[in-house]
Amino acid sequence: MQPSIITALTRQCEKQPDALALIGESHTLTYQDLGRAIEQVGALLSTFPAKKLGLALDNSPLWAVLDLAGLATGKVIIPLPFFFSAEQIAHSLTDAGISCILTDQPDLYQTILAASGIETTATFTHVISGQEITEIRLGNIPTRELPAGTVKVTYTSGTTGHPKGVCLGSDALYSVAISLLAATRGNISDNHVNVLPLSTLLENLAGVYVPLLAGAACHLLPLAAVGLSGSSGLDVQKMLGVLIKYHATTTILTPQLLHAAVAAIEAGHPKPAQLRFCAIGGASVSERLLLRAEKLGIPVFEGYGLSECASVVSLNTETCRRIGSVGKPLPHISLKFNEDGEILVAGATLLGYTGCEPVPEFWPTGDIGHLDDDGFLHLSGRKKNIFITSFGRNVSPEWVERELTLHPAIAQAAVFGEARPWNVAVIVPRGDASAVDQAIAEANHVLPDYAQVKNWLPAKAPFLPQNGQLTANGRLKREAIWAQYQTAIEQLYYNND
């Protein structure tokens, strides 16, 4: 039998039946309980006529049980993020051919379905592990073929309004999980506390599969309980309090969450004392922010990955770390580089998108980077985002934006300068906008002249997934931001030429 998440987890359940596996707000499962729940829920799922199941639940042990039971019974699990717009959810349903949704928020989904013209043919209520969920069967969803071997479809919001369905196989998920298990030195003493939504592939794989394969305890609390609300709301004191309360040894944060945690701890909030591995992913991280975290004794390890490569490609570790890099490629990964520096990845890549288009052996990531002499991977920016100034200088806007947002006066920044003599930033101030000029001056001090920001304008609103200006994992949707601010940016150049 080919190794898989389920076969490895089954062995773990037999090895330590009485150890805690999943800990929720009101329900706890030992490894023996988990094994039984996967069997029982798998038997239930096998009675469903639908092959593809949309999973739309808040973080909880049940989310993990449904996901694992789907893997065990050959169902295709398709997480549906609550941070998606109604239009994006409707697109995902039809794009993947999802004819059944499992949700703990049926009223919300019934509203979305009705507004989208998607028919509901039947609804059923199930009580699993003490939690009630609703099965919604859909009627007018077109049939959609997926690449052979697909067990999970993860939707990546990308750069347009329509998310893309990345189809992944069992081998890819297992390869990444085993590599991460070794890289993070996961063990039975770990307490992993989930902060990110389980509908994101990174948390699903690294925050559930990896701790369970290690025999660790996995704390799956509702997002509100860990301080998250909506797509960008954060109560950092609540988040840090949960990490402390549950003696977190491992967790995963985005750069924005890390920034908030560092600022709170610098201001006097206690830090999670047991934390030994805090993985940082989703978007690039300023080197200075990592150094601030290190000074506070927060064990942060930046990594790099993308959905098309089943999440993580490279990662800094406790024994092999270089700040300023995104770590060394994981053991299952092979890298090549195009002439322009684009990173090409083989090993645990996607089977295809939902449209079944053929994919190359080495996946073109769209990211520019290089390996240093010691084998650490360094990122320069997105290939398509790099612009060339009128002086012929190449500028990666992510680089400039990292320096800008490191200052507490700037919450978000989007930098533009294609074919211009100097660069402009659209800035979302944090608090009083009067401090932005000084923040830009400090960033410019560490940037070469061609990358410096010479002028800026305030954003009308924060960049958010809801207004189409931010992806779910925190990357700017530059085309959308440019479309809204193009006239004002061009006026700045006109007034200052």
Protein backbone atom coordinates (compact mmCIF):
# COMPACT_ATOMS: atom_id res chain seq x y z
CA MET A 1 0.00 0.00 0.00
CA GLN A 2 1.26 3.46 -0.89
CA PRO A 3 2.00 5.57 2.22
CA SER A 4 -0.62 8.21 2.86
CA ILE A 5 -1.84 10.56 5.56
CA ILE A 6 -4.52 8.04 6.56
CA THR A 7 -2.26 4.97 6.75
CA ALA A 8 0.32 6.88 8.80
CA LEU A 9 -2.36 8.32 11.09
CA THR A 10 -3.94 4.87 11.60
CA ARG A 11 -0.60 3.60 12.90
CA GLN A 12 -0.36 6.61 15.20
CA CYS A 13 -3.85 5.94 16.61
CA GLU A 14 -2.89 2.34 17.38
CA LYS A 15 0.43 3.38 18.89
CA GLN A 16 -0.94 5.86 21.47
CA PRO A 17 -4.70 5.36 21.80
CA ASP A 18 -5.10 7.30 25.05
CA ALA A 19 -3.11 10.41 24.10
CA LEU A 20 -5.02 13.59 23.28
CA ALA A 21 -5.31 14.23 19.56
CA LEU A 22 -7.88 17.00 18.91
CA ILE A 23 -8.91 19.55 21.53
CA GLY A 24 -11.77 21.90 20.76
CA GLU A 25 -13.71 24.51 22.67
CA SER A 26 -16.14 21.92 24.05
CA HIS A 27 -15.06 18.55 22.68
CA THR A 28 -11.87 16.50 22.93
CA LEU A 29 -10.79 13.38 21.03
CA THR A 30 -8.04 10.95 22.00
CA TYR A 31 -6.18 9.18 19.21
CA GLN A 32 -8.41 6.14 19.75
CA ASP A 33 -11.50 8.38 19.55
CA LEU A 34 -10.12 9.98 16.40
CA GLY A 35 -9.60 6.64 14.69
CA ARG A 36 -13.16 5.58 15.52
CA ALA A 37 -14.57 8.96 14.43
CA ILE A 38 -12.83 8.71 11.05
CA GLU A 39 -14.35 5.25 10.56
CA GLN A 40 -17.85 6.28 11.66
CA VAL A 41 -17.93 9.56 9.74
CA GLY A 42 -16.38 7.83 6.75
CA ALA A 43 -19.27 5.34 6.79
CA LEU A 44 -21.71 8.28 6.83
CA LEU A 45 -19.94 10.09 3.99
CA SER A 46 -19.97 6.88 1.94
CA THR A 47 -23.78 7.09 1.89
CA PHE A 48 -23.66 10.54 0.28
CA PRO A 49 -24.26 10.39 -3.48
CA ALA A 50 -21.85 13.29 -4.04
CA LYS A 51 -18.19 12.55 -4.77
CA LYS A 52 -17.11 16.15 -4.03
CA LEU A 53 -17.82 17.69 -0.65
CA GLY A 54 -17.56 21.39 0.08
CA LEU A 55 -16.41 21.95 3.66
CA ALA A 56 -17.65 25.23 5.16
CA LEU A 57 -17.12 25.11 8.92
CA ASP A 58 -15.37 27.19 11.53
CA ASN A 59 -12.22 25.68 13.07
CA SER A 60 -13.07 22.71 15.29
CA PRO A 61 -12.19 19.03 15.78
CA LEU A 62 -15.14 18.19 13.51
CA TRP A 63 -13.50 20.07 10.62
CA ALA A 64 -10.47 17.80 10.93
CA VAL A 65 -12.58 14.64 11.31
CA LEU A 66 -14.62 15.41 8.19
CA ASP A 67 -11.49 16.20 6.22
CA LEU A 68 -9.72 13.01 7.28
CA ALA A 69 -12.84 10.86 6.81
CA GLY A 70 -13.12 12.25 3.29
CA LEU A 71 -9.53 11.25 2.56
CA ALA A 72 -10.18 7.80 4.02
CA THR A 73 -13.28 7.14 1.90
CA GLY A 74 -12.18 8.54 -1.44
CA LYS A 75 -14.27 11.70 -1.34
CA VAL A 76 -12.80 14.90 -2.75
CA ILE A 77 -12.69 17.49 0.03
CA ILE A 78 -12.95 21.13 -1.05
CA PRO A 79 -12.60 23.69 1.78
CA LEU A 80 -14.74 26.81 1.27
CA PRO A 81 -13.27 29.81 3.13
CA PHE A 82 -15.66 32.14 4.93
CA PHE A 83 -13.42 35.04 3.93
CA PHE A 84 -14.43 34.48 0.29
CA SER A 85 -17.12 36.76 -1.11
CA ALA A 86 -20.50 35.28 -2.03
CA GLU A 87 -19.50 35.58 -5.68
CA GLN A 88 -16.24 33.69 -5.09
CA ILE A 89 -18.06 30.93 -3.20
CA ALA A 90 -20.61 30.53 -5.99
CA HIS A 91 -17.78 30.41 -8.52
CA SER A 92 -15.99 27.71 -6.51
CA LEU A 93 -19.13 25.57 -6.33
CA THR A 94 -19.70 25.61 -10.06
CA ASP A 95 -16.03 25.56 -11.02
CA ALA A 96 -15.33 22.34 -9.09
CA GLY A 97 -18.77 20.81 -9.61
CA ILE A 98 -19.56 20.65 -5.87
CA SER A 99 -23.03 19.15 -5.38
CA CYS A 100 -22.91 18.82 -1.57
CA ILE A 101 -21.92 21.29 1.17
CA LEU A 102 -21.29 20.47 4.82
CA THR A 103 -21.60 23.58 6.98
CA ASP A 104 -22.17 24.83 10.51
CA GLN A 105 -23.68 28.05 9.14
CA PRO A 106 -26.60 26.85 6.99
CA ASP A 107 -28.51 30.14 7.01
CA LEU A 108 -25.52 31.99 5.56
CA TYR A 109 -25.07 29.41 2.84
CA GLN A 110 -28.75 29.27 1.98
CA THR A 111 -28.63 33.04 1.46
CA ILE A 112 -25.55 32.77 -0.76
CA LEU A 113 -27.06 29.94 -2.79
CA ALA A 114 -30.37 31.73 -3.28
CA ALA A 115 -28.66 34.93 -4.39
CA SER A 116 -26.49 32.97 -6.84
CA GLY A 117 -29.37 31.04 -8.39
CA ILE A 118 -28.05 27.69 -7.12
CA GLU A 119 -30.84 25.26 -6.25
CA THR A 120 -31.05 23.34 -2.98
CA THR A 121 -32.62 19.91 -3.52
CA ALA A 122 -32.40 18.64 0.06
CA THR A 123 -30.98 19.42 3.48
CA PHE A 124 -30.13 17.02 6.30
CA THR A 125 -28.92 17.60 9.83
CA HIS A 126 -26.21 15.40 11.35
CA VAL A 127 -24.80 15.38 14.85
CA ILE A 128 -21.16 14.31 14.82
CA SER A 129 -18.85 14.39 17.84
CA GLY A 130 -21.45 16.42 19.68
CA GLN A 131 -21.60 19.11 16.97
CA GLU A 132 -24.49 19.75 14.60
CA ILE A 133 -23.79 20.24 10.92
CA THR A 134 -26.03 20.63 7.90
CA GLU A 135 -25.69 18.72 4.65
CA ILE A 136 -26.95 20.81 1.74
CA ARG A 137 -27.44 19.01 -1.58
CA LEU A 138 -27.34 21.16 -4.69
CA GLY A 139 -29.34 20.59 -7.83
CA ASN A 140 -28.22 22.64 -10.80
CA ILE A 141 -24.44 22.31 -10.51
CA PRO A 142 -22.83 21.26 -13.80
CA THR A 143 -20.68 18.13 -13.87
CA ARG A 144 -16.99 18.96 -13.69
CA GLU A 145 -14.16 16.52 -14.30
CA LEU A 146 -11.10 16.80 -12.09
CA PRO A 147 -7.60 15.43 -12.79
CA ALA A 148 -7.29 11.73 -11.96
CA GLY A 149 -6.16 11.12 -8.38
CA THR A 150 -7.51 14.39 -6.94
CA VAL A 151 -8.33 14.09 -3.23
CA LYS A 152 -8.39 17.78 -2.31
CA VAL A 153 -9.10 21.01 -4.17
CA THR A 154 -7.79 24.14 -2.53
CA TYR A 155 -8.90 27.49 -3.87
CA THR A 156 -6.30 30.20 -4.20
CA SER A 157 -7.65 33.70 -4.63
CA GLY A 158 -4.87 34.70 -6.99
CA THR A 159 -4.86 38.11 -8.63
CA THR A 160 -8.37 38.21 -10.09
CA GLY A 161 -11.83 38.02 -8.61
CA HIS A 162 -12.25 34.35 -9.51
CA PRO A 163 -10.30 31.92 -7.33
CA LYS A 164 -8.48 29.03 -9.03
CA GLY A 165 -9.03 25.45 -7.96
CA VAL A 166 -5.72 23.67 -7.33
CA CYS A 167 -6.15 19.88 -7.49
CA LEU A 168 -3.86 17.87 -5.23
CA GLY A 169 -3.23 14.15 -4.86
CA SER A 170 -2.65 11.99 -1.81
CA ASP A 171 1.05 11.53 -2.56
CA ALA A 172 1.68 15.28 -2.64
CA LEU A 173 -0.06 15.88 0.69
CA TYR A 174 1.83 13.03 2.33
CA SER A 175 5.23 14.10 0.94
CA VAL A 176 4.88 17.64 2.25
CA ALA A 177 3.55 16.51 5.64
CA ILE A 178 6.41 14.06 6.18
CA SER A 179 9.01 16.64 5.13
CA LEU A 180 7.50 19.20 7.52
CA LEU A 181 7.32 16.67 10.32
CA ALA A 182 11.09 16.17 10.05
CA ALA A 183 11.91 19.85 9.47
CA THR A 184 9.92 21.06 12.50
CA ARG A 185 11.02 18.13 14.67
CA GLY A 186 7.42 17.41 15.57
CA ASN A 187 7.00 15.15 18.59
CA ILE A 188 4.42 13.76 21.02
CA SER A 189 5.12 16.55 23.53
CA ASP A 190 3.96 19.26 21.15
CA ASN A 191 0.84 21.36 21.60
CA HIS A 192 -0.08 22.92 18.27
CA VAL A 193 -2.54 25.81 18.53
CA ASN A 194 -4.32 26.66 15.30
CA VAL A 195 -4.67 30.38 14.63
CA LEU A 196 -5.29 30.48 10.87
CA PRO A 197 -8.49 29.16 9.23
CA LEU A 198 -8.34 25.44 8.44
CA SER A 199 -9.71 26.29 4.99
CA THR A 200 -6.23 27.58 4.15
CA LEU A 201 -4.02 24.77 2.88
CA LEU A 202 -1.05 25.78 5.05
CA GLU A 203 -2.99 25.40 8.31
CA ASN A 204 -4.84 22.32 7.08
CA LEU A 205 -1.62 20.51 6.23
CA ALA A 206 0.99 21.92 8.61
CA GLY A 207 -1.46 22.64 11.43
CA VAL A 208 -3.44 19.37 11.42
CA TYR A 209 -1.73 16.62 9.44
CA VAL A 210 1.77 17.31 10.77
CA PRO A 211 0.89 17.47 14.50
CA LEU A 212 -1.25 14.34 14.21
CA LEU A 213 1.50 12.41 12.44
CA ALA A 214 3.81 13.50 15.27
CA GLY A 215 1.39 12.17 17.88
CA ALA A 216 0.95 15.69 19.24
CA ALA A 217 -2.10 17.48 20.63
CA CYS A 218 -3.86 19.79 18.17
CA HIS A 219 -5.96 22.65 19.60
CA LEU A 220 -8.71 23.57 17.13
CA LEU A 221 -10.62 26.56 18.47
CA PRO A 222 -13.17 28.77 16.68
CA LEU A 223 -11.52 31.74 15.00
CA ALA A 224 -13.27 34.21 17.31
CA ALA A 225 -11.76 32.39 20.29
CA VAL A 226 -8.23 33.03 19.01
CA GLY A 227 -8.95 36.69 18.30
CA LEU A 228 -9.72 36.63 14.58
CA SER A 229 -12.83 38.24 13.10
CA GLY A 230 -13.79 38.69 9.47
CA SER A 231 -10.89 38.68 7.05
CA SER A 232 -8.60 41.10 8.86
CA GLY A 233 -9.92 41.78 12.38
CA LEU A 234 -7.52 40.83 15.18
CA ASP A 235 -7.57 40.94 18.97
CA VAL A 236 -3.86 40.33 19.50
CA GLN A 237 -4.19 40.07 23.27
CA LYS A 238 -6.73 37.27 22.86
CA MET A 239 -4.48 35.50 20.34
CA LEU A 240 -1.45 35.66 22.62
CA GLY A 241 -3.61 34.67 25.59
CA VAL A 242 -4.75 31.49 23.83
CA LEU A 243 -1.16 30.56 22.92
CA ILE A 244 -0.20 31.00 26.57
CA LYS A 245 -3.28 29.25 28.02
CA TYR A 246 -2.80 26.10 25.94
CA HIS A 247 1.00 26.02 26.34
CA ALA A 248 1.52 26.25 22.58
CA THR A 249 4.81 24.80 21.42
CA THR A 250 4.06 25.30 17.73
CA THR A 251 1.84 27.63 15.74
CA ILE A 252 1.62 29.29 12.32
CA LEU A 253 1.27 33.05 11.79
CA THR A 254 1.07 35.37 8.82
CA PRO A 255 3.45 38.37 8.76
CA GLN A 256 0.64 40.70 9.85
CA LEU A 257 -0.16 38.51 12.87
CA LEU A 258 3.53 38.33 13.77
CA HIS A 259 3.85 42.11 13.53
CA ALA A 260 0.91 42.55 15.91
CA ALA A 261 2.30 39.96 18.34
CA VAL A 262 5.76 41.53 18.37
CA ALA A 263 4.34 45.00 18.98
CA ALA A 264 2.16 43.72 21.84
CA ILE A 265 5.04 41.87 23.52
CA GLU A 266 7.32 44.89 23.10
CA ALA A 267 4.60 46.91 24.86
CA GLY A 268 4.64 44.52 27.83
CA HIS A 269 2.27 41.64 27.01
CA PRO A 270 3.61 38.28 28.22
CA LYS A 271 4.98 36.04 25.50
CA PRO A 272 4.07 32.36 25.00
CA ALA A 273 6.84 30.81 27.08
CA GLN A 274 6.59 27.25 25.72
CA LEU A 275 6.63 28.25 22.06
CA ARG A 276 9.53 26.55 20.25
CA PHE A 277 8.52 26.83 16.58
CA CYS A 278 6.48 29.67 15.15
CA ALA A 279 6.26 29.24 11.37
CA ILE A 280 5.74 32.40 9.33
CA GLY A 281 4.19 32.14 5.89
CA GLY A 282 1.62 33.48 3.45
CA ALA A 283 3.59 36.54 2.34
CA SER A 284 7.12 37.95 2.60
CA VAL A 285 8.44 39.13 5.95
CA SER A 286 10.72 42.04 6.68
CA GLU A 287 14.13 40.97 7.96
CA ARG A 288 13.96 43.67 10.62
CA LEU A 289 10.66 42.28 11.93
CA LEU A 290 12.25 38.83 12.25
CA LEU A 291 15.17 40.38 14.16
CA ARG A 292 12.76 42.17 16.51
CA ALA A 293 11.02 38.85 17.18
CA GLU A 294 14.37 37.15 17.78
CA LYS A 295 15.37 39.84 20.25
CA LEU A 296 12.20 39.10 22.22
CA GLY A 297 13.00 35.39 22.22
CA ILE A 298 10.14 34.46 19.87
CA PRO A 299 11.30 31.42 17.83
CA VAL A 300 10.18 32.50 14.34
CA PHE A 301 11.01 30.54 11.19
CA GLU A 302 10.14 31.96 7.80
CA GLY A 303 9.12 29.64 5.01
CA TYR A 304 7.92 29.79 1.43
CA GLY A 305 5.34 27.91 -0.55
CA LEU A 306 2.28 28.05 -2.76
CA SER A 307 -0.87 26.03 -3.22
CA GLU A 308 0.34 24.61 -6.53
CA CYS A 309 3.21 22.95 -4.64
CA ALA A 310 0.92 21.54 -1.93
CA SER A 311 1.84 24.40 0.38
CA VAL A 312 5.42 24.51 1.73
CA VAL A 313 8.49 24.47 -0.55
CA SER A 314 11.22 25.67 1.82
CA LEU A 315 11.54 26.45 5.50
CA ASN A 316 14.03 27.74 8.04
CA THR A 317 14.42 25.32 10.95
CA GLU A 318 15.84 25.16 14.46
CA THR A 319 19.06 23.59 13.18
CA CYS A 320 19.31 25.31 9.80
CA ARG A 321 18.30 28.96 9.80
CA ARG A 322 19.31 32.11 7.95
CA ILE A 323 17.32 35.30 8.50
CA GLY A 324 16.74 37.01 5.19
CA SER A 325 16.15 33.69 3.45
CA VAL A 326 13.06 31.47 3.31
CA GLY A 327 15.12 28.47 4.36
CA LYS A 328 16.37 25.44 2.48
CA PRO A 329 14.10 23.45 0.14
CA LEU A 330 12.35 20.55 1.85
CA PRO A 331 13.77 17.07 1.09
CA HIS A 332 11.11 16.14 -1.46
CA ILE A 333 11.66 19.32 -3.49
CA SER A 334 13.81 19.87 -6.59
CA LEU A 335 14.49 23.43 -7.78
CA LYS A 336 15.57 24.99 -11.06
CA PHE A 337 15.66 28.60 -12.20
CA ASN A 338 14.73 30.24 -15.47
CA GLU A 339 17.13 32.70 -17.07
CA ASP A 340 15.21 35.57 -15.50
CA GLY A 341 15.54 34.01 -12.04
CA GLU A 342 12.02 32.53 -11.81
CA ILE A 343 11.87 29.62 -9.36
CA LEU A 344 10.76 26.30 -10.88
CA VAL A 345 9.63 23.56 -8.48
CA ALA A 346 9.26 19.79 -8.89
CA GLY A 347 8.06 17.36 -6.22
CA ALA A 348 4.55 17.32 -4.72
CA THR A 349 3.11 19.71 -7.28
CA LEU A 350 -0.51 19.97 -8.37
CA LEU A 351 -2.21 17.42 -10.60
CA GLY A 352 -3.77 20.33 -12.46
CA TYR A 353 -6.40 23.00 -12.04
CA THR A 354 -10.10 22.20 -12.04
CA GLY A 355 -10.09 22.61 -15.81
CA CYS A 356 -7.72 19.61 -16.12
CA GLU A 357 -5.08 21.57 -18.04
CA PRO A 358 -1.77 19.67 -18.32
CA VAL A 359 0.97 20.87 -16.00
CA PRO A 360 4.76 20.82 -16.45
CA GLU A 361 7.06 18.67 -14.34
CA PHE A 362 8.72 21.79 -12.93
CA TRP A 363 6.07 24.24 -11.84
CA PRO A 364 6.77 27.92 -12.72
CA THR A 365 6.11 29.71 -9.44
CA GLY A 366 6.10 33.26 -10.78
CA ASP A 367 8.54 34.18 -7.98
CA ILE A 368 12.05 35.47 -8.58
CA GLY A 369 14.78 34.09 -6.36
CA HIS A 370 18.14 32.37 -5.98
CA LEU A 371 19.99 29.86 -3.85
CA ASP A 372 23.00 31.14 -1.95
CA ASP A 373 26.26 29.18 -1.61
CA ASP A 374 24.91 27.33 1.43
CA GLY A 375 21.67 26.27 -0.24
CA PHE A 376 19.30 28.79 1.35
CA LEU A 377 16.55 30.12 -0.91
CA HIS A 378 16.15 33.90 -1.20
CA LEU A 379 13.15 35.66 -2.76
CA SER A 380 13.31 38.92 -4.68
CA GLY A 381 9.63 39.37 -5.52
CA ARG A 382 6.92 38.36 -7.93
CA LYS A 383 8.04 38.09 -11.55
CA LYS A 384 5.01 39.93 -12.90
CA ASN A 385 5.17 42.63 -10.20
CA ILE A 386 8.70 43.83 -10.94
CA PHE A 387 8.61 47.20 -12.67
CA ILE A 388 11.31 49.10 -14.52
CA THR A 389 11.82 52.79 -13.78
CA SER A 390 12.49 55.33 -16.52
CA PHE A 391 16.18 55.06 -15.58
CA GLY A 392 16.12 51.34 -16.40
CA ARG A 393 16.28 50.10 -12.81
CA ASN A 394 14.32 46.95 -11.82
CA VAL A 395 12.29 47.39 -8.63
CA SER A 396 10.47 44.66 -6.73
CA PRO A 397 7.61 46.50 -5.00
CA GLU A 398 7.36 43.85 -2.26
CA TRP A 399 10.85 44.77 -1.12
CA VAL A 400 9.94 48.46 -0.72
CA GLU A 401 6.59 47.64 0.87
CA ARG A 402 8.24 45.44 3.50
CA GLU A 403 10.39 48.36 4.60
CA LEU A 404 7.43 50.76 4.66
CA THR A 405 5.08 48.53 6.66
CA LEU A 406 7.74 47.78 9.24
CA HIS A 407 7.08 51.27 10.64
CA PRO A 408 4.15 51.38 13.09
CA ALA A 409 2.66 54.40 11.28
CA ILE A 410 1.99 52.37 8.11
CA ALA A 411 -0.50 49.49 8.12
CA GLN A 412 -0.37 48.70 4.38
CA ALA A 413 1.43 50.05 1.31
CA ALA A 414 1.30 49.46 -2.43
CA VAL A 415 4.22 50.82 -4.47
CA PHE A 416 4.15 51.81 -8.17
CA GLY A 417 6.74 53.30 -10.52
CA GLU A 418 6.65 51.61 -13.94
CA ALA A 419 8.44 53.81 -16.52
CA ARG A 420 8.60 56.70 -14.06
CA PRO A 421 11.64 58.54 -12.61
CA TRP A 422 10.51 57.96 -9.01
CA ASN A 423 8.15 55.76 -7.05
CA VAL A 424 4.75 56.42 -5.50
CA ALA A 425 3.06 54.57 -2.64
CA VAL A 426 -0.62 54.23 -1.82
CA ILE A 427 -0.61 53.97 1.96
CA VAL A 428 -3.09 52.86 4.60
CA PRO A 429 -1.95 54.74 7.72
CA ARG A 430 -2.16 53.14 11.15
CA GLY A 431 -3.60 55.95 13.24
CA ASP A 432 -2.47 59.53 12.61
CA ALA A 433 -1.45 60.06 8.97
CA SER A 434 0.91 62.86 10.01
CA ALA A 435 3.53 60.26 10.98
CA VAL A 436 3.65 58.73 7.49
CA ASP A 437 6.19 61.22 6.11
CA GLN A 438 8.67 60.30 8.84
CA ALA A 439 8.00 56.58 8.30
CA ILE A 440 8.75 56.94 4.58
CA ALA A 441 11.93 58.87 5.35
CA GLU A 442 13.12 56.06 7.64
CA ALA A 443 12.38 53.42 4.99
CA ASN A 444 14.10 55.46 2.30
CA HIS A 445 17.19 55.64 4.50
CA VAL A 446 17.79 51.90 4.04
CA LEU A 447 16.73 51.76 0.36
CA PRO A 448 18.83 52.66 -2.70
CA ASP A 449 17.75 55.85 -4.45
CA TYR A 450 15.98 54.08 -7.33
CA ALA A 451 13.77 52.13 -4.90
CA GLN A 452 12.88 55.03 -2.61
CA VAL A 453 9.36 56.45 -2.37
CA LYS A 454 9.29 60.12 -3.35
CA ASN A 455 5.57 60.76 -2.92
CA TRP A 456 2.50 59.08 -1.49
CA LEU A 457 -1.25 59.31 -1.23
CA PRO A 458 -3.61 57.96 1.43
CA ALA A 459 -5.80 54.99 0.57
CA LYS A 460 -9.55 55.54 0.71
CA ALA A 461 -9.93 52.28 2.63
CA PRO A 462 -7.74 49.38 3.78
CA PHE A 463 -6.78 46.76 1.19
CA LEU A 464 -9.10 43.84 1.99
CA PRO A 465 -10.36 40.65 0.35
CA GLN A 466 -13.88 42.13 0.53
CA ASN A 467 -12.99 45.05 -1.74
CA GLY A 468 -10.93 42.85 -4.05
CA GLN A 469 -7.60 44.47 -3.18
CA LEU A 470 -6.05 41.68 -1.07
CA THR A 471 -5.77 37.93 -1.44
CA ALA A 472 -6.77 35.62 1.40
CA ASN A 473 -3.14 35.08 2.42
CA GLY A 474 -2.32 38.77 2.55
CA ARG A 475 -0.88 39.53 -0.90
CA LEU A 476 -1.84 42.75 -2.63
CA LYS A 477 -4.00 42.58 -5.74
CA ARG A 478 -2.06 45.26 -7.56
CA GLU A 479 -4.23 45.49 -10.65
CA ALA A 480 -7.27 46.28 -8.52
CA ILE A 481 -5.39 48.86 -6.42
CA TRP A 482 -3.96 50.47 -9.56
CA ALA A 483 -7.41 50.62 -11.16
CA GLN A 484 -8.79 52.56 -8.21
CA TYR A 485 -5.87 54.95 -7.72
CA GLN A 486 -4.45 55.34 -11.24
CA THR A 487 -5.91 58.80 -11.79
CA ALA A 488 -4.66 60.12 -8.44
CA ILE A 489 -1.19 58.59 -8.96
CA GLU A 490 -0.85 60.09 -12.42
CA GLN A 491 -1.91 63.46 -11.00
CA LEU A 492 0.94 63.23 -8.48
CA TYR A 493 3.44 62.75 -11.30
CA TYR A 494 1.88 65.58 -13.30
CA ASN A 495 2.05 68.01 -10.36
CA ASN A 496 5.65 67.13 -9.50
CA ASP A 497 7.30 66.77 -12.92
